[in-house]
Protein backbone atom coordinates (compact mmCIF):
# COMPACT_ATOMS: atom_id res chain seq x y z
CA LEU A 1 41.81 97.59 18.34
CA ASP A 2 43.60 94.58 16.97
CA TYR A 3 43.44 91.42 19.31
CA SER A 4 43.56 87.45 19.09
CA HIS A 5 41.33 84.96 20.13
CA GLY A 6 41.38 81.21 20.05
CA THR A 7 43.42 79.54 17.13
CA THR A 8 42.48 78.40 13.94
CA ILE A 9 43.96 76.06 10.89
CA ASN A 10 45.55 78.18 8.22
CA ILE A 11 45.38 77.05 4.59
CA SER A 12 49.12 75.26 5.40
CA GLN A 13 47.29 73.21 8.01
CA GLU A 14 49.31 74.95 10.81
CA ARG A 15 47.47 76.10 14.10
CA VAL A 16 47.54 79.84 14.32
CA SER A 17 46.05 82.44 16.60
CA GLU A 18 43.08 83.97 15.10
CA LYS A 19 43.15 87.85 14.68
CA PHE A 20 40.05 90.18 15.10
CA GLN A 21 39.46 93.70 15.05
CA ALA A 22 37.13 95.87 17.28
CA LEU A 23 36.15 99.36 17.33
CA VAL A 24 35.59 101.18 21.22
CA ALA A 25 33.70 104.11 21.21
CA GLY A 26 34.86 106.78 23.42
CA THR A 27 31.46 108.56 23.83
CA GLU A 28 29.49 108.62 27.24
CA ALA A 29 26.77 106.06 25.74
CA GLY A 30 29.64 104.15 23.77
CA GLY A 31 30.32 100.59 23.64
CA VAL A 32 32.47 98.14 21.59
CA GLY A 33 31.86 97.27 18.23
CA GLY A 34 32.94 93.74 17.22
CA GLU A 35 31.96 90.16 17.11
CA ARG A 36 31.34 88.34 20.46
CA HIS A 37 33.41 85.42 21.18
CA PHE A 38 32.98 82.44 23.47
CA SER A 39 35.64 80.90 25.24
CA PRO A 40 35.86 77.14 24.59
CA THR A 41 37.60 76.30 27.99
CA LYS A 42 35.00 78.42 30.31
CA VAL A 43 32.24 76.70 28.17
CA GLN A 44 33.48 73.32 28.68
CA ALA A 45 33.95 74.01 32.54
CA ALA A 46 30.70 75.41 32.71
CA THR A 47 29.04 72.37 31.20
CA GLY A 48 30.99 69.99 33.13
CA ALA A 49 30.08 71.68 36.55
CA ILE A 50 26.33 72.02 35.59
CA CYS A 51 26.50 67.90 34.40
CA SER A 52 28.51 66.83 37.59
CA ALA A 53 25.87 68.86 39.82
CA VAL A 54 23.14 67.27 38.22
CA PHE A 55 24.52 63.68 38.31
CA ALA A 56 25.72 64.27 41.95
CA LEU A 57 22.19 65.29 42.90
CA ASP A 58 20.51 62.25 41.30
CA PHE A 59 23.53 59.82 42.63
CA PHE A 60 23.38 61.40 46.49
CA GLY A 61 20.10 62.79 46.32
CA SER A 62 17.92 59.78 45.28
CA PRO A 63 18.93 57.40 48.38
CA LEU A 64 17.63 60.18 50.58
CA MET A 65 14.18 59.77 49.13
CA GLY A 66 14.06 56.24 48.81
CA LEU A 67 14.65 55.96 45.14
CA SER A 68 17.72 54.10 43.35
CA PRO A 69 19.96 56.39 41.09
CA SER A 70 18.64 56.76 37.66
CA SER A 71 22.39 56.74 36.17
CA SER A 72 25.59 54.78 37.09
CA PRO A 73 28.68 56.81 37.92
CA GLU A 74 30.31 55.56 34.57
CA PHE A 75 27.63 56.98 32.53
CA SER A 76 27.48 60.17 34.38
CA LEU A 77 31.22 60.60 33.81
CA THR A 78 31.21 59.35 30.17
CA SER A 79 28.27 61.90 29.53
CA THR A 80 29.82 64.59 31.21
CA VAL A 81 33.02 64.49 29.15
CA VAL A 82 31.10 64.06 25.92
CA LEU A 83 28.65 66.97 26.72
CA SER A 84 31.79 69.06 27.60
CA ALA A 85 33.74 68.32 24.59
CA LEU A 86 30.68 69.01 22.24
CA SER A 87 29.94 72.46 24.14
CA GLY A 88 33.51 73.32 23.51
CA VAL A 89 33.23 72.45 19.68
CA ALA A 90 29.90 74.37 19.68
CA ALA A 91 31.80 77.49 21.37
CA ARG A 92 34.45 77.46 18.70
CA ARG A 93 31.88 77.38 15.90
CA ALA A 94 29.48 80.15 17.26
CA VAL A 95 31.51 83.01 15.38
CA ASN A 96 31.51 81.06 12.09
CA MET A 97 27.72 80.21 12.30
CA LYS A 98 26.76 83.76 13.24
CA ARG A 99 28.43 85.03 10.09
CA GLN A 100 27.05 82.35 8.02
CA ASP A 101 23.54 83.43 9.50
CA VAL A 102 24.11 86.97 8.76
CA GLU A 103 25.36 86.30 4.83
CA GLN A 104 22.04 84.21 4.76
CA LYS A 105 19.82 86.96 5.92
CA ILE A 106 21.48 89.29 3.50
CA ALA A 107 21.04 87.04 0.53
CA ASP A 108 17.33 86.26 1.38
CA SER A 109 16.62 89.97 1.74
CA GLU A 110 18.29 90.73 -1.58
CA GLU A 111 16.26 87.91 -3.22
CA GLU A 112 13.01 89.21 -1.94
CA SER A 113 13.50 92.60 -3.25
CA TYR A 114 14.42 91.68 -6.76
CA ASP A 115 11.56 91.69 -9.39
CA TYR A 116 13.59 90.32 -12.38
CA ASN A 117 10.59 91.15 -14.80
CA ARG A 118 11.40 94.96 -13.79
CA LEU A 119 15.14 95.43 -13.80
CA HIS A 120 14.83 97.98 -16.24
CA ASP A 121 12.76 100.17 -13.60
CA GLU A 122 14.83 102.97 -11.76
CA SER A 123 13.44 101.76 -8.14
CA ILE A 124 14.57 98.34 -9.01
CA VAL A 125 18.07 99.55 -9.94
CA GLN A 126 18.34 101.63 -7.02
CA ARG A 127 17.50 98.65 -4.76
CA VAL A 128 19.80 96.23 -6.59
CA GLU A 129 22.54 98.98 -5.58
CA GLU A 130 21.46 99.35 -1.85
CA ASN A 131 21.66 95.80 -1.41
CA GLU A 132 24.98 95.70 -2.69
CA TRP A 133 26.19 98.52 -0.57
CA THR A 134 24.58 96.54 2.46
CA ARG A 135 26.36 93.61 1.67
CA TRP A 136 29.67 95.30 1.14
CA GLU A 137 28.83 96.99 4.74
CA GLU A 138 28.02 93.71 6.35
CA SER A 139 31.02 91.65 5.02
CA GLU A 140 33.78 91.17 7.28
CA LYS A 141 32.80 93.60 9.81
CA TRP A 142 35.55 91.85 11.94
CA ARG A 143 38.39 93.34 9.89
CA TRP A 144 37.94 97.01 9.48
CA ASP A 145 41.37 97.98 7.83
CA GLN A 146 40.92 96.00 4.83
C-alpha cells in the first residue's frame, strides 16, 4: 500500500509530499506494518486546547478562590502559540528521530557483539553476518519495493 503523509523538502529545495509504504495483513489477527505518523496539525490543535484550558482555569478559577491569576492573558496567549508551534515541529521530527534511534540501537548491538581479537573464529564471523543481515532487514522498512 503506497501512501503520502506530510511534506518534506527534496534536494532541489522544493516542498513535495512524503511517500511511504505499509503492509496490510489479511489474516484474522492481522494488522498494519509500517511507521507511525503524527499529524502536526492535530498535535498543534491538541496542545493549543490543553494550554488554553489550563490558562482559562488559572485566569477564571483563581478569582473564585480569592487568588489573583498567576499569569497574564498576554503571557498565556504567547506561550500557547509557542508551545503549539514546538509540538508541531516535534510531530514532524518524530518519524526521523525513531529511525535514528533504531539505527543507533542496531549499531550498538553490533559493536557489543564483535570481539575484534577473535575475528578468525567461526562463531564471530557468523555473528558478523547475522548483524549485517539484521541491518539490511531493518534499513528503510518504510520502502519495501526497493
